Amino acid sequence: MLLTLTKNKFYYRIRQELKTKNPALSGDIYFKVRIKRAFYPAKWDAHPNQIMSEEKNVETHNNASKKKIPEINPGMTIRVYQKIKELNIKGEEKERTQYFEGIVIAKKHGKEKGGTITVRKVSDGVGVEKIFPLNLPTIEKIEVKKQEKVRRAKLYFLRKGYKKKLKEKKVS
């Protein structure tokens, strides 16, 4: 049996369903559920908290094995090395590494799967910004060059031609 929740209900009480399928879980159990999340009763053989902790452990293990991401904060000058595939004149695919060096002006969603950083540099008087997903498979490595002292989480004021130079902090 598959239970699907409606858009408006984030908290849904499924005690009656659990009582019929698994009498061991007959107590008052409330689940915080995402929109349109499906529940499969066969999955609830163990206590829900145990299942959730096991899923988190599996996710963190998978993310840790992929690649090591350094601690990145706004105000850091970083160099992002990215693999790029190109076609030459003969039509052969070649792969090379290109780096993009600039200051981090925003970091969103931390180290989650969908976490991103916005890197800005000024090239020939033109501002260039790139948004890099942190878990992008084409990113080989990220080097931290220096750290400026900033008091904001988002440095969007740098877009408007901030004239003062940011003070540098020592990077350990």
C-alpha atoms as a PDB file:
ATOM      1  CA  MET A   1       0.000   0.000   0.000  1.00  0.00           C
ATOM      2  CA  LEU A   2       1.350   3.417  -0.977  1.00  0.00           C
ATOM      3  CA  LEU A   3       0.477   6.588   0.917  1.00  0.00           C
ATOM      4  CA  THR A   4       0.915   9.893  -0.895  1.00  0.00           C
ATOM      5  CA  LEU A   5       0.515  13.185   0.953  1.00  0.00           C
ATOM      6  CA  THR A   6      -1.166  16.323  -0.313  1.00  0.00           C
ATOM      7  CA  LYS A   7       0.653  19.634  -0.794  1.00  0.00           C
ATOM      8  CA  ASN A   8      -0.771  21.408   2.276  1.00  0.00           C
ATOM      9  CA  LYS A   9       0.070  18.775   4.884  1.00  0.00           C
ATOM     10  CA  PHE A  10       3.601  18.645   6.182  1.00  0.00           C
ATOM     11  CA  TYR A  11       2.701  16.703   9.308  1.00  0.00           C
ATOM     12  CA  TYR A  12       0.640  13.622   8.695  1.00  0.00           C
ATOM     13  CA  ARG A  13      -0.510  11.095  11.216  1.00  0.00           C
ATOM     14  CA  ILE A  14      -0.375   7.543   9.922  1.00  0.00           C
ATOM     15  CA  ARG A  15      -0.869   5.696  13.178  1.00  0.00           C
ATOM     16  CA  GLN A  16      -3.816   3.644  11.938  1.00  0.00           C
ATOM     17  CA  GLU A  17      -1.917   2.425   8.885  1.00  0.00           C
ATOM     18  CA  LEU A  18       1.086   1.435  10.962  1.00  0.00           C
ATOM     19  CA  LYS A  19      -1.109  -0.356  13.487  1.00  0.00           C
ATOM     20  CA  THR A  20      -2.539  -2.576  10.786  1.00  0.00           C
ATOM     21  CA  LYS A  21       0.808  -3.298   9.104  1.00  0.00           C
ATOM     22  CA  ASN A  22       3.182  -3.456  12.084  1.00  0.00           C
ATOM     23  CA  PRO A  23       1.673  -3.771  15.594  1.00  0.00           C
ATOM     24  CA  ALA A  24       5.050  -3.040  17.249  1.00  0.00           C
ATOM     25  CA  LEU A  25       4.815   0.561  16.056  1.00  0.00           C
ATOM     26  CA  SER A  26       1.294   1.162  17.343  1.00  0.00           C
ATOM     27  CA  GLY A  27       2.184   4.169  19.561  1.00  0.00           C
ATOM     28  CA  ASP A  28       1.645   7.823  18.696  1.00  0.00           C
ATOM     29  CA  ILE A  29       4.106   8.458  15.916  1.00  0.00           C
ATOM     30  CA  TYR A  30       4.164  11.668  13.945  1.00  0.00           C
ATOM     31  CA  PHE A  31       6.270  12.041  10.861  1.00  0.00           C
ATOM     32  CA  LYS A  32       7.508  15.242   9.323  1.00  0.00           C
ATOM     33  CA  VAL A  33       7.142  14.557   5.663  1.00  0.00           C
ATOM     34  CA  ARG A  34       8.078  16.371   2.496  1.00  0.00           C
ATOM     35  CA  ILE A  35       5.486  17.260  -0.107  1.00  0.00           C
ATOM     36  CA  LYS A  36       4.402  14.325  -2.256  1.00  0.00           C
ATOM     37  CA  ARG A  37       6.675  11.937  -0.310  1.00  0.00           C
ATOM     38  CA  ALA A  38       5.657   8.313  -0.656  1.00  0.00           C
ATOM     39  CA  PHE A  39       5.791   5.836   2.222  1.00  0.00           C
ATOM     40  CA  TYR A  40       6.252   2.139   1.712  1.00  0.00           C
ATOM     41  CA  PRO A  41       5.074   0.185   4.809  1.00  0.00           C
ATOM     42  CA  ALA A  42       7.603  -2.620   4.206  1.00  0.00           C
ATOM     43  CA  LYS A  43      10.360  -0.128   4.949  1.00  0.00           C
ATOM     44  CA  TRP A  44       9.141   0.431   8.531  1.00  0.00           C
ATOM     45  CA  ASP A  45      10.351  -2.860  10.010  1.00  0.00           C
ATOM     46  CA  ALA A  46      12.702  -0.922  12.315  1.00  0.00           C
ATOM     47  CA  HIS A  47      12.020   2.266  14.245  1.00  0.00           C
ATOM     48  CA  PRO A  48      11.855   5.327  11.918  1.00  0.00           C
ATOM     49  CA  ASN A  49      14.677   7.123  13.765  1.00  0.00           C
ATOM     50  CA  GLN A  50      17.019   4.188  13.108  1.00  0.00           C
ATOM     51  CA  ILE A  51      16.143   4.199   9.422  1.00  0.00           C
ATOM     52  CA  MET A  52      16.754   7.944   9.123  1.00  0.00           C
ATOM     53  CA  SER A  53      20.127   7.743  10.881  1.00  0.00           C
ATOM     54  CA  GLU A  54      21.199   4.853   8.628  1.00  0.00           C
ATOM     55  CA  GLU A  55      20.239   6.863   5.518  1.00  0.00           C
ATOM     56  CA  LYS A  56      22.235   9.871   6.765  1.00  0.00           C
ATOM     57  CA  ASN A  57      25.295   7.683   7.427  1.00  0.00           C
ATOM     58  CA  VAL A  58      25.123   6.231   3.918  1.00  0.00           C
ATOM     59  CA  GLU A  59      24.816   9.715   2.358  1.00  0.00           C
ATOM     60  CA  THR A  60      27.748  11.162   4.304  1.00  0.00           C
ATOM     61  CA  HIS A  61      29.877   8.116   3.506  1.00  0.00           C
ATOM     62  CA  ASN A  62      29.149   8.454  -0.229  1.00  0.00           C
ATOM     63  CA  ASN A  63      29.890  12.202  -0.221  1.00  0.00           C
ATOM     64  CA  ALA A  64      33.138  11.793   1.718  1.00  0.00           C
ATOM     65  CA  SER A  65      34.451   9.153  -0.653  1.00  0.00           C
ATOM     66  CA  LYS A  66      33.916  11.337  -3.725  1.00  0.00           C
ATOM     67  CA  LYS A  67      36.286  14.263  -3.171  1.00  0.00           C
ATOM     68  CA  LYS A  68      37.647  16.520  -0.487  1.00  0.00           C
ATOM     69  CA  ILE A  69      36.258  20.052  -0.573  1.00  0.00           C
ATOM     70  CA  PRO A  70      38.179  22.652   1.446  1.00  0.00           C
ATOM     71  CA  GLU A  71      36.425  25.046   3.823  1.00  0.00           C
ATOM     72  CA  ILE A  72      35.292  27.879   1.530  1.00  0.00           C
ATOM     73  CA  ASN A  73      33.903  31.169   2.819  1.00  0.00           C
ATOM     74  CA  PRO A  74      32.945  34.468   1.184  1.00  0.00           C
ATOM     75  CA  GLY A  75      35.966  36.734   0.834  1.00  0.00           C
ATOM     76  CA  MET A  76      38.361  33.953  -0.105  1.00  0.00           C
ATOM     77  CA  THR A  77      40.319  34.149  -3.318  1.00  0.00           C
ATOM     78  CA  ILE A  78      40.231  30.662  -4.769  1.00  0.00           C
ATOM     79  CA  ARG A  79      41.329  28.847  -7.898  1.00  0.00           C
ATOM     80  CA  VAL A  80      38.872  26.260  -9.247  1.00  0.00           C
ATOM     81  CA  TYR A  81      40.390  23.637 -11.572  1.00  0.00           C
ATOM     82  CA  GLN A  82      37.825  22.234 -13.999  1.00  0.00           C
ATOM     83  CA  LYS A  83      38.102  19.570 -16.707  1.00  0.00           C
ATOM     84  CA  ILE A  84      36.929  20.772 -20.132  1.00  0.00           C
ATOM     85  CA  LYS A  85      36.299  18.634 -23.205  1.00  0.00           C
ATOM     86  CA  GLU A  86      37.101  20.264 -26.557  1.00  0.00           C
ATOM     87  CA  LEU A  87      36.856  19.238 -30.181  1.00  0.00           C
ATOM     88  CA  ASN A  88      39.889  19.918 -32.351  1.00  0.00           C
ATOM     89  CA  ILE A  89      39.880  20.504 -36.129  1.00  0.00           C
ATOM     90  CA  LYS A  90      39.895  16.773 -36.879  1.00  0.00           C
ATOM     91  CA  GLY A  91      36.853  16.237 -34.670  1.00  0.00           C
ATOM     92  CA  GLU A  92      38.716  14.431 -31.899  1.00  0.00           C
ATOM     93  CA  GLU A  93      37.736  15.056 -28.311  1.00  0.00           C
ATOM     94  CA  LYS A  94      40.494  16.344 -26.076  1.00  0.00           C
ATOM     95  CA  GLU A  95      40.276  16.902 -22.347  1.00  0.00           C
ATOM     96  CA  ARG A  96      42.208  19.658 -20.599  1.00  0.00           C
ATOM     97  CA  THR A  97      42.172  21.386 -17.232  1.00  0.00           C
ATOM     98  CA  GLN A  98      41.268  25.046 -17.008  1.00  0.00           C
ATOM     99  CA  TYR A  99      41.257  27.125 -13.846  1.00  0.00           C
ATOM    100  CA  PHE A 100      39.107  30.070 -12.839  1.00  0.00           C
ATOM    101  CA  GLU A 101      40.595  32.305 -10.144  1.00  0.00           C
ATOM    102  CA  GLY A 102      38.496  34.878  -8.337  1.00  0.00           C
ATOM    103  CA  ILE A 103      36.899  35.967  -5.075  1.00  0.00           C
ATOM    104  CA  VAL A 104      34.007  34.030  -3.557  1.00  0.00           C
ATOM    105  CA  ILE A 105      31.075  36.435  -3.263  1.00  0.00           C
ATOM    106  CA  ALA A 106      28.412  33.921  -2.198  1.00  0.00           C
ATOM    107  CA  LYS A 107      28.119  30.430  -0.783  1.00  0.00           C
ATOM    108  CA  LYS A 108      24.735  28.728  -0.817  1.00  0.00           C
ATOM    109  CA  HIS A 109      23.515  25.504   0.823  1.00  0.00           C
ATOM    110  CA  GLY A 110      26.821  24.668   2.522  1.00  0.00           C
ATOM    111  CA  LYS A 111      28.233  21.238   1.669  1.00  0.00           C
ATOM    112  CA  GLU A 112      24.923  19.684   0.623  1.00  0.00           C
ATOM    113  CA  LYS A 113      24.456  17.905  -2.668  1.00  0.00           C
ATOM    114  CA  GLY A 114      23.169  21.115  -4.244  1.00  0.00           C
ATOM    115  CA  GLY A 115      25.676  23.466  -2.583  1.00  0.00           C
ATOM    116  CA  THR A 116      27.116  26.191  -4.827  1.00  0.00           C
ATOM    117  CA  ILE A 117      29.679  28.973  -4.709  1.00  0.00           C
ATOM    118  CA  THR A 118      29.699  32.124  -6.807  1.00  0.00           C
ATOM    119  CA  VAL A 119      33.178  33.210  -7.870  1.00  0.00           C
ATOM    120  CA  ARG A 120      33.850  36.658  -9.381  1.00  0.00           C
ATOM    121  CA  LYS A 121      36.863  38.046 -11.191  1.00  0.00           C
ATOM    122  CA  VAL A 122      37.506  41.146 -13.264  1.00  0.00           C
ATOM    123  CA  SER A 123      39.022  40.337 -16.661  1.00  0.00           C
ATOM    124  CA  ASP A 124      40.049  43.252 -18.937  1.00  0.00           C
ATOM    125  CA  GLY A 125      37.753  45.615 -17.042  1.00  0.00           C
ATOM    126  CA  VAL A 126      34.762  43.286 -17.379  1.00  0.00           C
ATOM    127  CA  GLY A 127      33.372  41.465 -14.351  1.00  0.00           C
ATOM    128  CA  VAL A 128      32.926  37.724 -14.850  1.00  0.00           C
ATOM    129  CA  GLU A 129      30.995  35.538 -12.399  1.00  0.00           C
ATOM    130  CA  LYS A 130      30.683  31.785 -12.431  1.00  0.00           C
ATOM    131  CA  ILE A 131      28.467  29.642 -10.242  1.00  0.00           C
ATOM    132  CA  PHE A 132      30.100  26.320  -9.404  1.00  0.00           C
ATOM    133  CA  PRO A 133      28.157  23.430  -7.867  1.00  0.00           C
ATOM    134  CA  LEU A 134      30.515  22.025  -5.222  1.00  0.00           C
ATOM    135  CA  ASN A 135      29.823  18.408  -6.158  1.00  0.00           C
ATOM    136  CA  LEU A 136      30.329  18.939  -9.887  1.00  0.00           C
ATOM    137  CA  PRO A 137      32.202  15.901 -11.254  1.00  0.00           C
ATOM    138  CA  THR A 138      34.297  18.026 -13.640  1.00  0.00           C
ATOM    139  CA  ILE A 139      35.872  20.001 -10.780  1.00  0.00           C
ATOM    140  CA  GLU A 140      39.265  18.452 -10.064  1.00  0.00           C
ATOM    141  CA  LYS A 141      40.314  20.553  -7.095  1.00  0.00           C
ATOM    142  CA  ILE A 142      39.824  23.887  -5.369  1.00  0.00           C
ATOM    143  CA  GLU A 143      42.835  25.829  -4.076  1.00  0.00           C
ATOM    144  CA  VAL A 144      42.535  28.603  -1.511  1.00  0.00           C
ATOM    145  CA  LYS A 145      44.932  31.429  -2.421  1.00  0.00           C
ATOM    146  CA  LYS A 146      44.129  34.065   0.211  1.00  0.00           C
ATOM    147  CA  GLN A 147      41.435  35.198   2.625  1.00  0.00           C
ATOM    148  CA  GLU A 148      40.119  38.746   2.912  1.00  0.00           C
ATOM    149  CA  LYS A 149      38.463  40.045   6.064  1.00  0.00           C
ATOM    150  CA  VAL A 150      34.753  40.533   5.382  1.00  0.00           C
ATOM    151  CA  ARG A 151      31.739  41.105   7.592  1.00  0.00           C
ATOM    152  CA  ARG A 152      29.018  39.920   5.230  1.00  0.00           C
ATOM    153  CA  ALA A 153      27.819  36.517   4.077  1.00  0.00           C
ATOM    154  CA  LYS A 154      27.072  37.742   0.547  1.00  0.00           C
ATOM    155  CA  LEU A 155      29.503  40.177  -1.078  1.00  0.00           C
ATOM    156  CA  TYR A 156      27.211  41.450  -3.824  1.00  0.00           C
ATOM    157  CA  PHE A 157      28.392  45.016  -3.168  1.00  0.00           C
ATOM    158  CA  LEU A 158      31.590  44.114  -5.060  1.00  0.00           C
ATOM    159  CA  ARG A 159      29.534  44.069  -8.283  1.00  0.00           C
ATOM    160  CA  LYS A 160      28.838  47.792  -8.087  1.00  0.00           C
ATOM    161  CA  GLY A 161      32.470  48.849  -8.226  1.00  0.00           C
ATOM    162  CA  TYR A 162      33.599  48.862  -4.604  1.00  0.00           C
ATOM    163  CA  LYS A 163      36.723  51.049  -4.669  1.00  0.00           C
ATOM    164  CA  LYS A 164      38.314  50.198  -1.316  1.00  0.00           C
ATOM    165  CA  LYS A 165      40.636  47.246  -1.102  1.00  0.00           C
ATOM    166  CA  LEU A 166      39.594  44.415   1.235  1.00  0.00           C
ATOM    167  CA  LYS A 167      41.991  43.701   4.104  1.00  0.00           C
ATOM    168  CA  GLU A 168      43.771  40.384   3.902  1.00  0.00           C
ATOM    169  CA  LYS A 169      43.624  37.809   6.688  1.00  0.00           C
ATOM    170  CA  LYS A 170      46.318  35.209   7.196  1.00  0.00           C
ATOM    171  CA  VAL A 171      45.477  31.765   5.847  1.00  0.00           C
ATOM    172  CA  SER A 172      46.815  28.862   7.886  1.00  0.00           C
END
